[in-house]
Amino acid sequence: DWNAGESGYLVKKWMDEEVIGKNEYNTNIWIYMRYPEVLLNFAEACIELNDESTAAIYINMVRNRAGLPDFEGDITAALRHERMIELAFEDLRNYDIRRWKILEDALTNAKGMENVETTNLDNGNVSTSWKLINIQDRSVSKRMYWLPVPRVEMAKAPQLTQNPEY
């Protein structure tokens, strides 16, 4: 219970397999940016510049490296999906959904799994079932698209105005 996540899932991406127990620390170096992020950033820039053929090449480079076929369909949807999957747990999704202004669609209620074990008293058999649970209700407001401008910065430059709803 000392390190369990609310969702019932734990992330092992980039974890040191040698670390066992709560009194040891992961000594891996934190990776700030990986090459697939560079490729997907370039692909996104190409889409913004209406160069979809070049963007498709770079999206498919990321997909093909993972053994996946070339994407089909809408290129913007493909890019967004690829960023969500490839860059999972790398602290980028929050900025992506705000940059794309898709909070209302992407920020749904947080779900998790509850593990329920029951023991049959007659024969001692244990059965396990999982139940989808709601762990956090999330509400979205337009204010979430921006960060507040710090007061210190506004004092330095009086012509600045505060972002909406701050």
C-alpha atoms as a PDB file:
ATOM      1  CA  ASP A   1       0.000   0.000   0.000  1.00  0.00           C
ATOM      2  CA  TRP A   2       2.931   2.382   0.510  1.00  0.00           C
ATOM      3  CA  ASN A   3       3.373   3.049  -3.226  1.00  0.00           C
ATOM      4  CA  ALA A   4       0.109   2.078  -4.868  1.00  0.00           C
ATOM      5  CA  GLY A   5      -1.446   4.373  -7.429  1.00  0.00           C
ATOM      6  CA  GLU A   6      -5.096   5.373  -7.168  1.00  0.00           C
ATOM      7  CA  SER A   7      -5.839   3.938 -10.599  1.00  0.00           C
ATOM      8  CA  GLY A   8      -4.695   0.428  -9.750  1.00  0.00           C
ATOM      9  CA  TYR A   9      -1.897   0.689 -12.322  1.00  0.00           C
ATOM     10  CA  LEU A  10       1.772   1.512 -11.923  1.00  0.00           C
ATOM     11  CA  VAL A  11       4.126   2.694 -14.649  1.00  0.00           C
ATOM     12  CA  LYS A  12       7.377   0.857 -15.228  1.00  0.00           C
ATOM     13  CA  LYS A  13       8.550   2.942 -18.170  1.00  0.00           C
ATOM     14  CA  TRP A  14      12.243   3.754 -17.655  1.00  0.00           C
ATOM     15  CA  MET A  15      12.341   2.076 -14.242  1.00  0.00           C
ATOM     16  CA  ASP A  16      15.484   0.306 -13.064  1.00  0.00           C
ATOM     17  CA  GLU A  17      14.748  -3.431 -12.881  1.00  0.00           C
ATOM     18  CA  GLU A  18      17.422  -3.819 -10.178  1.00  0.00           C
ATOM     19  CA  VAL A  19      15.503  -1.682  -7.672  1.00  0.00           C
ATOM     20  CA  ILE A  20      13.513  -3.843  -5.265  1.00  0.00           C
ATOM     21  CA  GLY A  21      11.522  -2.420  -2.388  1.00  0.00           C
ATOM     22  CA  LYS A  22      10.742   0.991  -1.010  1.00  0.00           C
ATOM     23  CA  ASN A  23      14.168   1.732   0.504  1.00  0.00           C
ATOM     24  CA  GLU A  24      16.064   1.721  -2.796  1.00  0.00           C
ATOM     25  CA  TYR A  25      16.081   4.437  -5.414  1.00  0.00           C
ATOM     26  CA  ASN A  26      15.927   4.360  -9.177  1.00  0.00           C
ATOM     27  CA  THR A  27      19.270   5.639 -10.480  1.00  0.00           C
ATOM     28  CA  ASN A  28      18.296   5.958 -14.130  1.00  0.00           C
ATOM     29  CA  ILE A  29      19.000   9.277 -15.786  1.00  0.00           C
ATOM     30  CA  TRP A  30      15.786  11.214 -16.499  1.00  0.00           C
ATOM     31  CA  ILE A  31      15.321  11.648 -20.231  1.00  0.00           C
ATOM     32  CA  TYR A  32      13.977  15.088 -21.095  1.00  0.00           C
ATOM     33  CA  MET A  33      13.478  14.582 -24.815  1.00  0.00           C
ATOM     34  CA  ARG A  34      13.642  11.514 -27.010  1.00  0.00           C
ATOM     35  CA  TYR A  35      14.154  11.366 -30.761  1.00  0.00           C
ATOM     36  CA  PRO A  36      10.525  10.279 -31.436  1.00  0.00           C
ATOM     37  CA  GLU A  37       9.378  13.540 -29.804  1.00  0.00           C
ATOM     38  CA  VAL A  38      11.634  15.488 -32.170  1.00  0.00           C
ATOM     39  CA  LEU A  39      10.131  13.631 -35.149  1.00  0.00           C
ATOM     40  CA  LEU A  40       6.564  14.209 -33.967  1.00  0.00           C
ATOM     41  CA  ASN A  41       7.269  17.890 -33.245  1.00  0.00           C
ATOM     42  CA  PHE A  42       8.596  18.278 -36.786  1.00  0.00           C
ATOM     43  CA  ALA A  43       5.565  16.449 -38.190  1.00  0.00           C
ATOM     44  CA  GLU A  44       3.240  18.779 -36.272  1.00  0.00           C
ATOM     45  CA  ALA A  45       5.082  21.817 -37.646  1.00  0.00           C
ATOM     46  CA  CYS A  46       4.749  20.399 -41.175  1.00  0.00           C
ATOM     47  CA  ILE A  47       0.997  19.956 -40.688  1.00  0.00           C
ATOM     48  CA  GLU A  48       0.707  23.576 -39.536  1.00  0.00           C
ATOM     49  CA  LEU A  49       2.584  24.602 -42.721  1.00  0.00           C
ATOM     50  CA  ASN A  50       0.238  22.465 -44.884  1.00  0.00           C
ATOM     51  CA  ASP A  51       3.047  20.067 -45.833  1.00  0.00           C
ATOM     52  CA  GLU A  52       1.129  16.886 -45.044  1.00  0.00           C
ATOM     53  CA  SER A  53       3.266  14.604 -47.234  1.00  0.00           C
ATOM     54  CA  THR A  54       6.401  15.415 -45.222  1.00  0.00           C
ATOM     55  CA  ALA A  55       4.470  15.136 -41.952  1.00  0.00           C
ATOM     56  CA  ALA A  56       3.275  11.654 -42.953  1.00  0.00           C
ATOM     57  CA  ILE A  57       6.872  10.526 -43.522  1.00  0.00           C
ATOM     58  CA  TYR A  58       7.888  11.547 -39.994  1.00  0.00           C
ATOM     59  CA  ILE A  59       4.810  10.135 -38.283  1.00  0.00           C
ATOM     60  CA  ASN A  60       5.405   6.837 -40.088  1.00  0.00           C
ATOM     61  CA  MET A  61       9.069   6.843 -39.041  1.00  0.00           C
ATOM     62  CA  VAL A  62       7.913   6.688 -35.424  1.00  0.00           C
ATOM     63  CA  ARG A  63       5.277   4.058 -36.169  1.00  0.00           C
ATOM     64  CA  ASN A  64       7.551   1.865 -38.296  1.00  0.00           C
ATOM     65  CA  ARG A  65      10.285   1.904 -35.624  1.00  0.00           C
ATOM     66  CA  ALA A  66       7.737   0.307 -33.276  1.00  0.00           C
ATOM     67  CA  GLY A  67       6.801  -2.299 -35.902  1.00  0.00           C
ATOM     68  CA  LEU A  68       3.496  -0.620 -36.777  1.00  0.00           C
ATOM     69  CA  PRO A  69       2.223  -0.064 -40.328  1.00  0.00           C
ATOM     70  CA  ASP A  70       1.843   3.370 -41.892  1.00  0.00           C
ATOM     71  CA  PHE A  71      -1.164   5.281 -40.583  1.00  0.00           C
ATOM     72  CA  GLU A  72      -4.347   5.669 -42.603  1.00  0.00           C
ATOM     73  CA  GLY A  73      -6.920   8.437 -42.489  1.00  0.00           C
ATOM     74  CA  ASP A  74      -6.805  11.924 -41.038  1.00  0.00           C
ATOM     75  CA  ILE A  75      -3.222  13.095 -40.525  1.00  0.00           C
ATOM     76  CA  THR A  76      -4.046  15.414 -37.599  1.00  0.00           C
ATOM     77  CA  ALA A  77      -5.832  12.606 -35.759  1.00  0.00           C
ATOM     78  CA  ALA A  78      -2.900  10.280 -36.515  1.00  0.00           C
ATOM     79  CA  LEU A  79      -0.378  12.761 -35.111  1.00  0.00           C
ATOM     80  CA  ARG A  80      -2.406  13.338 -31.955  1.00  0.00           C
ATOM     81  CA  HIS A  81      -2.877   9.621 -31.399  1.00  0.00           C
ATOM     82  CA  GLU A  82       0.801   8.904 -31.991  1.00  0.00           C
ATOM     83  CA  ARG A  83       1.888  11.594 -29.516  1.00  0.00           C
ATOM     84  CA  MET A  84      -0.524  10.218 -26.906  1.00  0.00           C
ATOM     85  CA  ILE A  85       0.795   6.654 -27.275  1.00  0.00           C
ATOM     86  CA  GLU A  86       4.496   7.203 -27.981  1.00  0.00           C
ATOM     87  CA  LEU A  87       5.018   9.919 -25.382  1.00  0.00           C
ATOM     88  CA  ALA A  88       2.866   8.396 -22.629  1.00  0.00           C
ATOM     89  CA  PHE A  89       3.959   9.293 -19.074  1.00  0.00           C
ATOM     90  CA  GLU A  90       6.519  11.834 -20.309  1.00  0.00           C
ATOM     91  CA  ASP A  91       4.647  14.925 -19.009  1.00  0.00           C
ATOM     92  CA  LEU A  92       3.703  16.199 -22.468  1.00  0.00           C
ATOM     93  CA  ARG A  93       0.024  15.307 -22.860  1.00  0.00           C
ATOM     94  CA  ASN A  94      -1.105  18.146 -20.611  1.00  0.00           C
ATOM     95  CA  TYR A  95       0.565  20.695 -22.892  1.00  0.00           C
ATOM     96  CA  ASP A  96      -0.596  18.949 -26.082  1.00  0.00           C
ATOM     97  CA  ILE A  97      -4.301  19.018 -25.262  1.00  0.00           C
ATOM     98  CA  ARG A  98      -4.073  22.665 -24.244  1.00  0.00           C
ATOM     99  CA  ARG A  99      -2.103  23.679 -27.344  1.00  0.00           C
ATOM    100  CA  TRP A 100      -4.629  21.916 -29.578  1.00  0.00           C
ATOM    101  CA  LYS A 101      -7.586  23.382 -27.605  1.00  0.00           C
ATOM    102  CA  ILE A 102      -9.208  19.960 -27.124  1.00  0.00           C
ATOM    103  CA  LEU A 103      -9.626  19.933 -23.346  1.00  0.00           C
ATOM    104  CA  GLU A 104     -13.362  19.311 -23.526  1.00  0.00           C
ATOM    105  CA  ASP A 105     -12.851  16.112 -25.548  1.00  0.00           C
ATOM    106  CA  ALA A 106      -9.589  14.850 -24.065  1.00  0.00           C
ATOM    107  CA  LEU A 107      -9.914  15.571 -20.353  1.00  0.00           C
ATOM    108  CA  THR A 108     -12.472  13.015 -19.260  1.00  0.00           C
ATOM    109  CA  ASN A 109     -13.053  11.616 -15.783  1.00  0.00           C
ATOM    110  CA  ALA A 110     -10.086   9.598 -14.509  1.00  0.00           C
ATOM    111  CA  LYS A 111     -10.777   5.884 -14.337  1.00  0.00           C
ATOM    112  CA  GLY A 112      -9.041   3.055 -12.545  1.00  0.00           C
ATOM    113  CA  MET A 113      -9.424  -0.617 -11.739  1.00  0.00           C
ATOM    114  CA  GLU A 114     -10.372  -2.145  -8.439  1.00  0.00           C
ATOM    115  CA  ASN A 115      -9.163  -5.667  -7.784  1.00  0.00           C
ATOM    116  CA  VAL A 116     -11.693  -7.764  -5.842  1.00  0.00           C
ATOM    117  CA  GLU A 117     -10.642 -11.159  -4.514  1.00  0.00           C
ATOM    118  CA  THR A 118     -13.209 -13.503  -3.013  1.00  0.00           C
ATOM    119  CA  THR A 119     -12.570 -16.811  -1.304  1.00  0.00           C
ATOM    120  CA  ASN A 120     -15.061 -19.642  -1.467  1.00  0.00           C
ATOM    121  CA  LEU A 121     -15.299 -20.890   2.125  1.00  0.00           C
ATOM    122  CA  ASP A 122     -16.424 -24.371   1.030  1.00  0.00           C
ATOM    123  CA  ASN A 123     -13.445 -25.272  -1.154  1.00  0.00           C
ATOM    124  CA  GLY A 124     -10.914 -22.462  -0.490  1.00  0.00           C
ATOM    125  CA  ASN A 125     -10.798 -21.383  -4.131  1.00  0.00           C
ATOM    126  CA  VAL A 126      -9.964 -17.736  -4.678  1.00  0.00           C
ATOM    127  CA  SER A 127     -11.512 -15.845  -7.554  1.00  0.00           C
ATOM    128  CA  THR A 128     -10.417 -12.440  -8.751  1.00  0.00           C
ATOM    129  CA  SER A 129     -12.507  -9.876 -10.551  1.00  0.00           C
ATOM    130  CA  TRP A 130     -11.828  -6.342 -11.674  1.00  0.00           C
ATOM    131  CA  LYS A 131     -14.196  -3.444 -11.585  1.00  0.00           C
ATOM    132  CA  LEU A 132     -13.842  -0.137 -13.433  1.00  0.00           C
ATOM    133  CA  ILE A 133     -13.989   2.709 -10.932  1.00  0.00           C
ATOM    134  CA  ASN A 134     -14.150   6.476 -11.204  1.00  0.00           C
ATOM    135  CA  ILE A 135     -11.232   7.991  -9.286  1.00  0.00           C
ATOM    136  CA  GLN A 136     -11.555  11.649 -10.182  1.00  0.00           C
ATOM    137  CA  ASP A 137     -14.321  13.752 -11.672  1.00  0.00           C
ATOM    138  CA  ARG A 138     -12.788  16.405 -13.851  1.00  0.00           C
ATOM    139  CA  SER A 139     -14.418  19.611 -14.926  1.00  0.00           C
ATOM    140  CA  VAL A 140     -13.060  21.802 -17.686  1.00  0.00           C
ATOM    141  CA  SER A 141     -13.054  25.568 -17.818  1.00  0.00           C
ATOM    142  CA  LYS A 142     -11.671  27.909 -20.480  1.00  0.00           C
ATOM    143  CA  ARG A 143      -9.202  29.183 -17.897  1.00  0.00           C
ATOM    144  CA  MET A 144      -7.329  25.884 -18.129  1.00  0.00           C
ATOM    145  CA  TYR A 145      -6.014  26.779 -21.601  1.00  0.00           C
ATOM    146  CA  TRP A 146      -3.659  29.416 -20.200  1.00  0.00           C
ATOM    147  CA  LEU A 147      -1.286  29.856 -17.299  1.00  0.00           C
ATOM    148  CA  PRO A 148      -1.408  33.014 -15.208  1.00  0.00           C
ATOM    149  CA  VAL A 149       1.175  35.691 -15.933  1.00  0.00           C
ATOM    150  CA  PRO A 150       3.247  36.023 -12.737  1.00  0.00           C
ATOM    151  CA  ARG A 151       2.763  39.297 -10.842  1.00  0.00           C
ATOM    152  CA  VAL A 152       6.515  39.885 -10.911  1.00  0.00           C
ATOM    153  CA  GLU A 153       6.473  39.852 -14.711  1.00  0.00           C
ATOM    154  CA  MET A 154       3.446  42.137 -14.863  1.00  0.00           C
ATOM    155  CA  ALA A 155       5.226  44.581 -12.537  1.00  0.00           C
ATOM    156  CA  LYS A 156       8.251  44.601 -14.855  1.00  0.00           C
ATOM    157  CA  ALA A 157       6.116  45.280 -17.925  1.00  0.00           C
ATOM    158  CA  PRO A 158       2.934  47.236 -17.075  1.00  0.00           C
ATOM    159  CA  GLN A 159       1.639  46.871 -20.643  1.00  0.00           C
ATOM    160  CA  LEU A 160       1.043  43.157 -20.006  1.00  0.00           C
ATOM    161  CA  THR A 161      -2.491  42.037 -19.260  1.00  0.00           C
ATOM    162  CA  GLN A 162      -3.425  38.981 -17.234  1.00  0.00           C
ATOM    163  CA  ASN A 163      -4.653  35.907 -19.079  1.00  0.00           C
ATOM    164  CA  PRO A 164      -8.428  35.332 -19.148  1.00  0.00           C
ATOM    165  CA  GLU A 165     -10.117  34.324 -15.879  1.00  0.00           C
ATOM    166  CA  TYR A 166      -7.030  34.947 -13.697  1.00  0.00           C
END
